């Protein structure tokens, strides 16, 4: 399975044709020689080669993530702790979990219930409303 960071690395390498710089950017690596070595190792992995091949196949580039890819990404977001100057921001994690639960249909369907108040002043109008409420057609 290719991780999101690996996908980002492969996509950047695919676009720029510069694996070392792509590795430096995506993995926030500071040492260029380490980045070069790691990029080379990463590009030799079978799953990375398969992903690169998929990108190189004309018309095969997916514009929309599959359900599994979306679930994987949401799971990654759900597990992240996003540090801010005010502490840990867990809202993206909570939102990701909510979306995963919706995808797995863990919530009861929302029912739109409305209360309508009708004021009828004539007796004939009241009878018409009663017939409608009882399912009769006029």
N, C-alpha and C. Protein backbone atom coordinates (compact mmCIF):
# COMPACT_ATOMS: atom_id res chain seq x y z
N UNK A 1 0.84 -1.17 0.00
CA UNK A 1 0.00 0.00 0.00
C UNK A 1 0.89 1.24 0.00
N UNK A 2 0.56 2.20 -0.84
CA UNK A 2 1.33 3.43 -0.95
C UNK A 2 0.71 4.47 -0.03
N UNK A 3 1.52 5.05 0.86
CA UNK A 3 1.02 6.05 1.81
C UNK A 3 0.79 7.38 1.10
N UNK A 4 0.12 8.29 1.78
CA UNK A 4 -0.15 9.61 1.21
C UNK A 4 1.15 10.35 0.93
N UNK A 5 2.12 10.25 1.84
CA UNK A 5 3.41 10.93 1.63
C UNK A 5 4.13 10.33 0.42
N UNK A 6 4.07 9.01 0.31
CA UNK A 6 4.70 8.36 -0.84
C UNK A 6 4.02 8.80 -2.14
N UNK A 7 2.69 8.89 -2.12
CA UNK A 7 1.98 9.36 -3.31
C UNK A 7 2.38 10.79 -3.65
N UNK A 8 2.48 11.63 -2.63
CA UNK A 8 2.88 13.02 -2.86
C UNK A 8 4.29 13.07 -3.45
N UNK A 9 5.19 12.24 -2.93
CA UNK A 9 6.56 12.17 -3.44
C UNK A 9 6.56 11.71 -4.91
N UNK A 10 5.82 10.66 -5.19
CA UNK A 10 5.78 10.13 -6.56
C UNK A 10 5.19 11.16 -7.52
N UNK A 11 4.10 11.80 -7.12
CA UNK A 11 3.48 12.80 -7.98
C UNK A 11 4.43 13.97 -8.25
N UNK A 12 5.11 14.42 -7.20
CA UNK A 12 6.05 15.53 -7.39
C UNK A 12 7.22 15.10 -8.28
N UNK A 13 7.71 13.88 -8.06
CA UNK A 13 8.80 13.37 -8.90
C UNK A 13 8.32 13.22 -10.34
N UNK A 14 7.11 12.73 -10.52
CA UNK A 14 6.52 12.56 -11.85
C UNK A 14 6.44 13.91 -12.57
N UNK A 15 6.06 14.96 -11.84
CA UNK A 15 5.91 16.29 -12.44
C UNK A 15 7.25 16.97 -12.69
N UNK A 16 8.17 16.90 -11.71
CA UNK A 16 9.42 17.67 -11.79
C UNK A 16 10.60 16.87 -12.35
N UNK A 17 10.51 15.54 -12.31
CA UNK A 17 11.61 14.65 -12.72
C UNK A 17 12.85 14.86 -11.83
N UNK A 18 12.63 15.35 -10.59
CA UNK A 18 13.73 15.57 -9.64
C UNK A 18 13.40 14.85 -8.33
N UNK A 19 13.76 13.56 -8.22
CA UNK A 19 13.41 12.80 -7.02
C UNK A 19 14.03 13.33 -5.74
N UNK A 20 15.28 13.79 -5.80
CA UNK A 20 15.93 14.28 -4.58
C UNK A 20 15.20 15.50 -4.05
N UNK A 21 14.91 16.46 -4.91
CA UNK A 21 14.20 17.67 -4.47
C UNK A 21 12.79 17.33 -4.01
N UNK A 22 12.16 16.39 -4.69
CA UNK A 22 10.82 15.96 -4.28
C UNK A 22 10.86 15.37 -2.88
N UNK A 23 11.87 14.54 -2.62
CA UNK A 23 12.00 13.93 -1.30
C UNK A 23 12.24 15.00 -0.24
N UNK A 24 13.13 15.96 -0.55
CA UNK A 24 13.41 17.06 0.38
C UNK A 24 12.12 17.82 0.72
N UNK A 25 11.30 18.09 -0.28
CA UNK A 25 10.08 18.86 -0.08
C UNK A 25 9.01 18.09 0.68
N UNK A 26 8.76 16.86 0.25
CA UNK A 26 7.66 16.09 0.83
C UNK A 26 7.98 15.60 2.24
N UNK A 27 9.19 15.11 2.44
CA UNK A 27 9.55 14.52 3.73
C UNK A 27 10.25 15.52 4.66
N UNK A 28 10.39 16.77 4.23
CA UNK A 28 11.02 17.82 5.04
C UNK A 28 12.42 17.42 5.49
N UNK A 29 13.11 16.74 4.61
CA UNK A 29 14.47 16.29 4.89
C UNK A 29 15.41 17.47 4.70
N UNK A 30 16.44 17.57 5.54
CA UNK A 30 17.37 18.70 5.49
C UNK A 30 18.65 18.38 4.72
N UNK A 31 19.03 17.11 4.70
CA UNK A 31 20.30 16.69 4.09
C UNK A 31 20.05 16.17 2.68
N UNK A 32 20.69 16.80 1.70
CA UNK A 32 20.48 16.45 0.30
C UNK A 32 20.98 15.04 -0.03
N UNK A 33 22.09 14.61 0.56
CA UNK A 33 22.60 13.27 0.26
C UNK A 33 21.71 12.19 0.85
N UNK A 34 21.16 12.46 2.03
CA UNK A 34 20.22 11.51 2.65
C UNK A 34 18.95 11.44 1.80
N UNK A 35 18.47 12.60 1.35
CA UNK A 35 17.27 12.65 0.52
C UNK A 35 17.48 11.89 -0.79
N UNK A 36 18.66 12.04 -1.37
CA UNK A 36 18.97 11.34 -2.62
C UNK A 36 18.95 9.83 -2.42
N UNK A 37 19.56 9.38 -1.34
CA UNK A 37 19.61 7.94 -1.04
C UNK A 37 18.20 7.39 -0.78
N UNK A 38 17.43 8.12 0.05
CA UNK A 38 16.07 7.67 0.38
C UNK A 38 15.16 7.68 -0.83
N UNK A 39 15.30 8.71 -1.68
CA UNK A 39 14.49 8.79 -2.89
C UNK A 39 14.77 7.62 -3.81
N UNK A 40 16.05 7.27 -3.95
CA UNK A 40 16.43 6.14 -4.80
C UNK A 40 15.84 4.84 -4.27
N UNK A 41 15.95 4.62 -2.96
CA UNK A 41 15.39 3.40 -2.35
C UNK A 41 13.88 3.35 -2.54
N UNK A 42 13.23 4.49 -2.33
CA UNK A 42 11.78 4.54 -2.44
C UNK A 42 11.32 4.25 -3.87
N UNK A 43 12.03 4.79 -4.84
CA UNK A 43 11.66 4.59 -6.24
C UNK A 43 11.87 3.14 -6.71
N UNK A 44 12.67 2.37 -5.96
CA UNK A 44 12.90 0.96 -6.32
C UNK A 44 11.82 0.03 -5.77
N UNK A 45 10.99 0.51 -4.84
CA UNK A 45 9.96 -0.34 -4.25
C UNK A 45 8.90 -0.70 -5.29
N UNK A 46 8.43 -1.93 -5.22
CA UNK A 46 7.48 -2.45 -6.21
C UNK A 46 6.19 -1.64 -6.25
N UNK A 47 5.65 -1.29 -5.09
CA UNK A 47 4.38 -0.55 -5.08
C UNK A 47 4.54 0.88 -5.62
N UNK A 48 5.72 1.46 -5.44
CA UNK A 48 6.01 2.79 -5.98
C UNK A 48 6.16 2.68 -7.51
N UNK A 49 6.83 1.63 -7.97
CA UNK A 49 6.97 1.40 -9.41
C UNK A 49 5.60 1.23 -10.06
N UNK A 50 4.72 0.49 -9.38
CA UNK A 50 3.37 0.26 -9.92
C UNK A 50 2.59 1.58 -9.99
N UNK A 51 2.74 2.42 -8.96
CA UNK A 51 2.06 3.71 -8.94
C UNK A 51 2.59 4.62 -10.05
N UNK A 52 3.90 4.61 -10.24
CA UNK A 52 4.51 5.39 -11.33
C UNK A 52 4.02 4.90 -12.69
N UNK A 53 3.93 3.59 -12.84
CA UNK A 53 3.46 3.01 -14.10
C UNK A 53 2.02 3.45 -14.37
N UNK A 54 1.22 3.47 -13.32
CA UNK A 54 -0.18 3.91 -13.44
C UNK A 54 -0.23 5.37 -13.91
N UNK A 55 0.65 6.19 -13.38
CA UNK A 55 0.70 7.60 -13.78
C UNK A 55 1.17 7.77 -15.22
N UNK A 56 2.03 6.89 -15.66
CA UNK A 56 2.58 6.97 -17.01
C UNK A 56 1.65 6.40 -18.08
N UNK A 57 0.63 5.65 -17.66
CA UNK A 57 -0.30 5.07 -18.62
C UNK A 57 -1.29 6.13 -19.07
N UNK A 58 -1.33 6.44 -20.37
CA UNK A 58 -2.24 7.48 -20.86
C UNK A 58 -3.70 7.15 -20.56
N UNK A 59 -4.41 8.12 -20.09
CA UNK A 59 -5.83 7.94 -19.83
C UNK A 59 -6.15 7.14 -18.60
N UNK A 60 -5.14 6.68 -17.91
CA UNK A 60 -5.38 5.84 -16.74
C UNK A 60 -5.27 6.62 -15.43
N UNK A 61 -4.89 7.87 -15.49
CA UNK A 61 -4.74 8.66 -14.27
C UNK A 61 -6.12 8.88 -13.67
N UNK A 62 -6.27 8.51 -12.43
CA UNK A 62 -7.55 8.64 -11.78
C UNK A 62 -7.74 10.06 -11.27
N UNK A 63 -8.85 10.67 -11.63
CA UNK A 63 -9.15 12.01 -11.16
C UNK A 63 -9.91 11.97 -9.84
N UNK A 64 -10.55 10.84 -9.57
CA UNK A 64 -11.36 10.71 -8.36
C UNK A 64 -10.83 9.56 -7.53
N UNK A 65 -10.63 9.82 -6.25
CA UNK A 65 -10.13 8.78 -5.36
C UNK A 65 -11.20 7.71 -5.16
N UNK A 66 -10.75 6.48 -5.06
CA UNK A 66 -11.69 5.38 -4.80
C UNK A 66 -12.19 5.48 -3.36
N UNK A 67 -13.21 4.71 -3.05
CA UNK A 67 -13.74 4.70 -1.69
C UNK A 67 -12.65 4.31 -0.71
N UNK A 68 -11.87 3.30 -1.06
CA UNK A 68 -10.80 2.84 -0.16
C UNK A 68 -9.75 3.93 0.03
N UNK A 69 -9.38 4.62 -1.05
CA UNK A 69 -8.40 5.70 -0.93
C UNK A 69 -8.92 6.82 -0.05
N UNK A 70 -10.20 7.15 -0.20
CA UNK A 70 -10.79 8.20 0.65
C UNK A 70 -10.82 7.77 2.10
N UNK A 71 -11.17 6.51 2.34
CA UNK A 71 -11.19 6.02 3.71
C UNK A 71 -9.78 6.01 4.32
N UNK A 72 -8.79 5.62 3.53
CA UNK A 72 -7.41 5.62 4.01
C UNK A 72 -6.97 7.04 4.38
N UNK A 73 -7.28 8.00 3.51
CA UNK A 73 -6.89 9.39 3.77
C UNK A 73 -7.61 9.94 4.99
N UNK A 74 -8.91 9.68 5.09
CA UNK A 74 -9.66 10.14 6.26
C UNK A 74 -9.14 9.50 7.54
N UNK A 75 -8.74 8.24 7.45
CA UNK A 75 -8.17 7.57 8.62
C UNK A 75 -6.86 8.23 9.04
N UNK A 76 -6.04 8.58 8.07
CA UNK A 76 -4.79 9.28 8.38
C UNK A 76 -5.07 10.61 9.07
N UNK A 77 -6.05 11.35 8.56
CA UNK A 77 -6.41 12.63 9.16
C UNK A 77 -6.94 12.42 10.57
N UNK A 78 -7.75 11.39 10.75
CA UNK A 78 -8.33 11.11 12.06
C UNK A 78 -7.25 10.80 13.11
N UNK A 79 -6.13 10.23 12.67
CA UNK A 79 -5.06 9.86 13.60
C UNK A 79 -4.06 10.99 13.86
N UNK A 80 -4.14 12.07 13.07
CA UNK A 80 -3.16 13.14 13.21
C UNK A 80 -3.48 14.05 14.39
N UNK A 81 -2.44 14.56 15.02
CA UNK A 81 -2.56 15.64 15.99
C UNK A 81 -1.98 16.88 15.33
N UNK A 82 -2.80 17.87 15.11
CA UNK A 82 -2.35 19.08 14.44
C UNK A 82 -2.01 20.11 15.51
N UNK A 83 -0.72 20.39 15.61
CA UNK A 83 -0.25 21.33 16.61
C UNK A 83 -0.47 22.76 16.12
N UNK A 84 -1.01 23.59 17.00
CA UNK A 84 -1.13 25.02 16.73
C UNK A 84 -0.51 25.77 17.89
N UNK A 85 -0.42 27.07 17.78
CA UNK A 85 0.18 27.84 18.88
C UNK A 85 -0.73 27.83 20.10
N UNK A 86 -1.98 27.39 19.94
CA UNK A 86 -2.92 27.32 21.05
C UNK A 86 -3.07 25.90 21.60
N UNK A 87 -2.34 24.95 21.07
CA UNK A 87 -2.44 23.56 21.51
C UNK A 87 -2.75 22.65 20.33
N UNK A 88 -3.32 21.50 20.63
CA UNK A 88 -3.63 20.51 19.60
C UNK A 88 -5.02 20.79 19.04
N UNK A 89 -5.11 20.88 17.70
CA UNK A 89 -6.39 21.09 17.03
C UNK A 89 -6.92 19.73 16.61
N UNK A 90 -7.99 19.29 17.22
CA UNK A 90 -8.56 17.97 16.91
C UNK A 90 -9.77 18.05 15.99
N UNK A 91 -10.17 19.27 15.59
CA UNK A 91 -11.36 19.40 14.74
C UNK A 91 -11.23 18.63 13.43
N UNK A 92 -10.08 18.70 12.72
CA UNK A 92 -9.97 17.89 11.49
C UNK A 92 -10.12 16.39 11.77
N UNK A 93 -9.61 15.92 12.91
CA UNK A 93 -9.74 14.50 13.26
C UNK A 93 -11.20 14.14 13.50
N UNK A 94 -11.90 15.00 14.21
CA UNK A 94 -13.32 14.74 14.51
C UNK A 94 -14.12 14.75 13.20
N UNK A 95 -13.83 15.71 12.33
CA UNK A 95 -14.54 15.78 11.05
C UNK A 95 -14.26 14.54 10.19
N UNK A 96 -13.02 14.07 10.21
CA UNK A 96 -12.66 12.88 9.44
C UNK A 96 -13.40 11.65 9.97
N UNK A 97 -13.47 11.52 11.28
CA UNK A 97 -14.18 10.39 11.88
C UNK A 97 -15.67 10.46 11.52
N UNK A 98 -16.23 11.66 11.55
CA UNK A 98 -17.64 11.83 11.18
C UNK A 98 -17.87 11.37 9.74
N UNK A 99 -16.98 11.78 8.83
CA UNK A 99 -17.12 11.37 7.43
C UNK A 99 -16.98 9.86 7.27
N UNK A 100 -16.03 9.26 7.98
CA UNK A 100 -15.88 7.80 7.92
C UNK A 100 -17.14 7.11 8.40
N UNK A 101 -17.72 7.61 9.49
CA UNK A 101 -18.95 7.03 10.02
C UNK A 101 -20.10 7.16 9.02
N UNK A 102 -20.17 8.29 8.32
CA UNK A 102 -21.20 8.46 7.30
C UNK A 102 -20.98 7.48 6.15
N UNK A 103 -19.72 7.30 5.74
CA UNK A 103 -19.41 6.39 4.64
C UNK A 103 -19.78 4.96 5.00
N UNK A 104 -19.62 4.60 6.27
CA UNK A 104 -19.94 3.25 6.73
C UNK A 104 -21.39 3.13 7.18
N UNK A 105 -22.16 4.21 6.99
CA UNK A 105 -23.59 4.24 7.34
C UNK A 105 -23.82 3.87 8.81
N UNK A 106 -23.01 4.45 9.69
CA UNK A 106 -23.14 4.19 11.13
C UNK A 106 -24.14 5.12 11.80
N UNK A 107 -24.58 6.14 11.08
CA UNK A 107 -25.57 7.05 11.63
C UNK A 107 -26.95 6.70 11.07
N UNK A 108 -27.97 6.94 11.90
CA UNK A 108 -29.34 6.75 11.43
C UNK A 108 -29.62 7.82 10.38
N UNK A 109 -30.40 7.49 9.38
CA UNK A 109 -30.70 8.50 8.36
C UNK A 109 -31.42 9.69 8.99
N UNK A 110 -31.08 10.87 8.48
CA UNK A 110 -31.73 12.08 8.99
C UNK A 110 -33.13 12.16 8.42
N UNK A 111 -34.08 12.44 9.28
CA UNK A 111 -35.47 12.55 8.88
C UNK A 111 -35.86 14.02 9.00
N UNK A 112 -36.36 14.54 7.94
CA UNK A 112 -36.76 15.94 7.92
C UNK A 112 -38.20 16.03 8.40
N UNK A 113 -38.37 16.43 9.65
CA UNK A 113 -39.71 16.54 10.21
C UNK A 113 -40.04 18.02 10.38
N UNK A 114 -41.20 18.38 9.89
CA UNK A 114 -41.64 19.77 10.00
C UNK A 114 -43.04 19.79 10.58
N UNK A 115 -43.27 20.78 11.38
CA UNK A 115 -44.61 20.98 11.92
C UNK A 115 -45.20 22.17 11.18
N UNK A 116 -46.36 21.94 10.62
CA UNK A 116 -47.04 22.99 9.89
C UNK A 116 -48.34 23.31 10.62
N UNK A 117 -48.51 24.56 10.93
CA UNK A 117 -49.74 24.99 11.59
C UNK A 117 -50.61 25.69 10.55
N UNK A 118 -51.84 25.19 10.41
CA UNK A 118 -52.77 25.75 9.44
C UNK A 118 -53.98 26.30 10.21
N UNK A 119 -54.28 27.53 9.94
CA UNK A 119 -55.46 28.14 10.55
C UNK A 119 -56.56 28.20 9.50
N UNK A 120 -57.66 27.54 9.79
CA UNK A 120 -58.79 27.50 8.86
C UNK A 120 -59.96 28.18 9.55
N UNK A 121 -60.52 29.15 8.85
CA UNK A 121 -61.59 29.93 9.50
C UNK A 121 -63.00 29.43 9.18
N UNK A 122 -63.18 28.75 8.08
CA UNK A 122 -64.54 28.30 7.73
C UNK A 122 -64.71 26.83 8.05
N UNK A 123 -65.93 26.44 8.27
CA UNK A 123 -66.26 25.04 8.57
C UNK A 123 -65.96 24.16 7.37
N UNK A 124 -66.26 24.66 6.17
CA UNK A 124 -66.00 23.91 4.94
C UNK A 124 -64.50 23.67 4.78
N UNK A 125 -63.69 24.68 5.08
CA UNK A 125 -62.23 24.55 5.00
C UNK A 125 -61.72 23.53 5.99
N UNK A 126 -62.29 23.51 7.20
CA UNK A 126 -61.88 22.53 8.22
C UNK A 126 -62.17 21.11 7.74
N UNK A 127 -63.32 20.93 7.12
CA UNK A 127 -63.68 19.60 6.61
C UNK A 127 -62.73 19.16 5.50
N UNK A 128 -62.37 20.12 4.63
CA UNK A 128 -61.41 19.81 3.56
C UNK A 128 -60.06 19.38 4.13
N UNK A 129 -59.59 20.09 5.14
CA UNK A 129 -58.31 19.76 5.78
C UNK A 129 -58.39 18.39 6.43
N UNK A 130 -59.48 18.10 7.12
CA UNK A 130 -59.66 16.79 7.76
C UNK A 130 -59.61 15.67 6.73
N UNK A 131 -60.28 15.86 5.59
CA UNK A 131 -60.27 14.85 4.53
C UNK A 131 -58.84 14.65 3.99
N UNK A 132 -58.10 15.75 3.81
CA UNK A 132 -56.72 15.63 3.33
C UNK A 132 -55.85 14.88 4.33
N UNK A 133 -56.02 15.19 5.61
CA UNK A 133 -55.24 14.52 6.65
C UNK A 133 -55.56 13.03 6.73
N UNK A 134 -56.76 12.67 6.36
CA UNK A 134 -57.18 11.26 6.37
C UNK A 134 -56.82 10.54 5.08
N UNK A 135 -56.15 11.26 4.16
CA UNK A 135 -55.69 10.64 2.94
C UNK A 135 -56.66 10.70 1.79
N UNK A 136 -57.77 11.38 1.96
CA UNK A 136 -58.74 11.51 0.88
C UNK A 136 -58.27 12.55 -0.11
N UNK A 137 -58.67 12.36 -1.34
CA UNK A 137 -58.36 13.35 -2.38
C UNK A 137 -59.63 14.13 -2.68
N UNK A 138 -59.40 15.40 -3.00
CA UNK A 138 -60.58 16.24 -3.29
C UNK A 138 -60.95 16.18 -4.74
